[in-house]
Amino acid sequence: MCALLTNIAGWFSGVWIPLELIGGVFKQIALILPFYHSVEVGKLVLNGSFSSILPHIGIVLIYAIIVYGLAIVIFNKKMHDGTV
């Protein structure tokens, strides 16, 4: 399972193959997911382009907040059901 997630993240982040070369539906899906934006934040920070990271880091933060919120909801549900 971990290898599958690593491969999916690698393909959709543009780390191995630039998304501009692939294009189409694959690129549109990659732009929706946080992997591409995480890599772009890293590239921009390493290049010193701090003013350009806001849109990318915003998308990563939105995903983080959603996952964190879901974890809280699921944990609370399990606590009330007595399954934890």
C-alpha atoms as a PDB file:
ATOM      1  CA  MET A   1       0.000   0.000   0.000  1.00  0.00           C
ATOM      2  CA  CYS A   2       2.838   2.397   0.840  1.00  0.00           C
ATOM      3  CA  ALA A   3       4.537   1.758  -2.502  1.00  0.00           C
ATOM      4  CA  LEU A   4       1.276   2.437  -4.320  1.00  0.00           C
ATOM      5  CA  LEU A   5       0.800   5.763  -2.525  1.00  0.00           C
ATOM      6  CA  THR A   6       4.412   6.721  -3.234  1.00  0.00           C
ATOM      7  CA  ASN A   7       4.013   5.994  -6.948  1.00  0.00           C
ATOM      8  CA  ILE A   8       0.725   7.890  -7.175  1.00  0.00           C
ATOM      9  CA  ALA A   9       2.194  10.872  -5.335  1.00  0.00           C
ATOM     10  CA  GLY A  10       5.278  10.797  -7.561  1.00  0.00           C
ATOM     11  CA  TRP A  11       3.296  10.750 -10.806  1.00  0.00           C
ATOM     12  CA  PHE A  12       0.789  13.404  -9.761  1.00  0.00           C
ATOM     13  CA  SER A  13       3.382  15.731  -8.247  1.00  0.00           C
ATOM     14  CA  GLY A  14       5.389  16.302 -11.385  1.00  0.00           C
ATOM     15  CA  VAL A  15       8.594  15.188  -9.682  1.00  0.00           C
ATOM     16  CA  TRP A  16       9.487  12.496 -12.221  1.00  0.00           C
ATOM     17  CA  ILE A  17       7.869  13.945 -15.340  1.00  0.00           C
ATOM     18  CA  PRO A  18       6.915  17.641 -15.640  1.00  0.00           C
ATOM     19  CA  LEU A  19       3.146  18.044 -15.919  1.00  0.00           C
ATOM     20  CA  GLU A  20       3.576  20.440 -18.827  1.00  0.00           C
ATOM     21  CA  LEU A  21       4.887  17.534 -20.915  1.00  0.00           C
ATOM     22  CA  ILE A  22       1.911  15.309 -20.087  1.00  0.00           C
ATOM     23  CA  GLY A  23      -0.965  17.795 -20.149  1.00  0.00           C
ATOM     24  CA  GLY A  24      -4.608  16.902 -20.645  1.00  0.00           C
ATOM     25  CA  VAL A  25      -6.787  15.233 -18.045  1.00  0.00           C
ATOM     26  CA  PHE A  26      -3.764  13.913 -16.148  1.00  0.00           C
ATOM     27  CA  LYS A  27      -2.544  17.467 -15.571  1.00  0.00           C
ATOM     28  CA  GLN A  28      -6.000  18.649 -14.494  1.00  0.00           C
ATOM     29  CA  ILE A  29      -6.229  15.843 -11.918  1.00  0.00           C
ATOM     30  CA  ALA A  30      -2.720  16.609 -10.672  1.00  0.00           C
ATOM     31  CA  LEU A  31      -3.586  20.289 -10.193  1.00  0.00           C
ATOM     32  CA  ILE A  32      -6.526  19.340  -7.961  1.00  0.00           C
ATOM     33  CA  LEU A  33      -4.441  17.116  -5.673  1.00  0.00           C
ATOM     34  CA  PRO A  34      -1.994  18.512  -3.081  1.00  0.00           C
ATOM     35  CA  PHE A  35       1.082  16.603  -4.314  1.00  0.00           C
ATOM     36  CA  TYR A  36       1.931  18.989  -7.154  1.00  0.00           C
ATOM     37  CA  HIS A  37       1.436  22.036  -4.955  1.00  0.00           C
ATOM     38  CA  SER A  38       3.683  20.614  -2.213  1.00  0.00           C
ATOM     39  CA  VAL A  39       6.496  20.097  -4.711  1.00  0.00           C
ATOM     40  CA  GLU A  40       6.000  23.601  -6.119  1.00  0.00           C
ATOM     41  CA  VAL A  41       6.243  25.109  -2.621  1.00  0.00           C
ATOM     42  CA  GLY A  42       9.535  23.281  -2.103  1.00  0.00           C
ATOM     43  CA  LYS A  43      10.897  24.449  -5.463  1.00  0.00           C
ATOM     44  CA  LEU A  44       9.873  28.058  -4.860  1.00  0.00           C
ATOM     45  CA  VAL A  45      11.364  28.125  -1.359  1.00  0.00           C
ATOM     46  CA  LEU A  46      14.645  26.674  -2.601  1.00  0.00           C
ATOM     47  CA  ASN A  47      14.750  29.319  -5.348  1.00  0.00           C
ATOM     48  CA  GLY A  48      13.983  32.091  -2.856  1.00  0.00           C
ATOM     49  CA  SER A  49      10.686  33.031  -4.542  1.00  0.00           C
ATOM     50  CA  PHE A  50       8.744  33.386  -1.307  1.00  0.00           C
ATOM     51  CA  SER A  51       6.161  35.759  -2.786  1.00  0.00           C
ATOM     52  CA  SER A  52       4.945  33.060  -5.210  1.00  0.00           C
ATOM     53  CA  ILE A  53       4.225  30.303  -2.679  1.00  0.00           C
ATOM     54  CA  LEU A  54       0.891  31.607  -1.381  1.00  0.00           C
ATOM     55  CA  PRO A  55      -1.493  29.911  -3.860  1.00  0.00           C
ATOM     56  CA  HIS A  56       0.342  26.583  -3.586  1.00  0.00           C
ATOM     57  CA  ILE A  57       0.682  26.573   0.179  1.00  0.00           C
ATOM     58  CA  GLY A  58      -2.976  27.592   0.484  1.00  0.00           C
ATOM     59  CA  ILE A  59      -4.102  24.446  -1.329  1.00  0.00           C
ATOM     60  CA  VAL A  60      -1.832  22.263   0.805  1.00  0.00           C
ATOM     61  CA  LEU A  61      -3.205  23.894   3.971  1.00  0.00           C
ATOM     62  CA  ILE A  62      -6.804  23.364   2.840  1.00  0.00           C
ATOM     63  CA  TYR A  63      -6.118  19.649   2.373  1.00  0.00           C
ATOM     64  CA  ALA A  64      -4.393  19.491   5.774  1.00  0.00           C
ATOM     65  CA  ILE A  65      -7.342  21.175   7.498  1.00  0.00           C
ATOM     66  CA  ILE A  66      -9.825  18.813   5.823  1.00  0.00           C
ATOM     67  CA  VAL A  67      -7.844  15.702   6.804  1.00  0.00           C
ATOM     68  CA  TYR A  68      -7.355  16.998  10.356  1.00  0.00           C
ATOM     69  CA  GLY A  69     -11.072  17.773  10.681  1.00  0.00           C
ATOM     70  CA  LEU A  70     -12.047  14.336   9.375  1.00  0.00           C
ATOM     71  CA  ALA A  71      -9.675  12.698  11.852  1.00  0.00           C
ATOM     72  CA  ILE A  72     -11.329  14.580  14.734  1.00  0.00           C
ATOM     73  CA  VAL A  73     -14.835  13.653  13.572  1.00  0.00           C
ATOM     74  CA  ILE A  74     -13.951   9.968  13.116  1.00  0.00           C
ATOM     75  CA  PHE A  75     -12.159   9.813  16.468  1.00  0.00           C
ATOM     76  CA  ASN A  76     -15.110  11.404  18.277  1.00  0.00           C
ATOM     77  CA  LYS A  77     -17.533   9.021  16.573  1.00  0.00           C
ATOM     78  CA  LYS A  78     -15.459   6.025  17.602  1.00  0.00           C
ATOM     79  CA  MET A  79     -15.175   7.336  21.172  1.00  0.00           C
ATOM     80  CA  HIS A  80     -18.947   7.645  21.467  1.00  0.00           C
ATOM     81  CA  ASP A  81     -19.497   4.223  19.913  1.00  0.00           C
ATOM     82  CA  GLY A  82     -16.956   2.686  22.289  1.00  0.00           C
ATOM     83  CA  THR A  83     -14.854   1.141  19.534  1.00  0.00           C
ATOM     84  CA  VAL A  84     -11.579   2.800  20.551  1.00  0.00           C
END
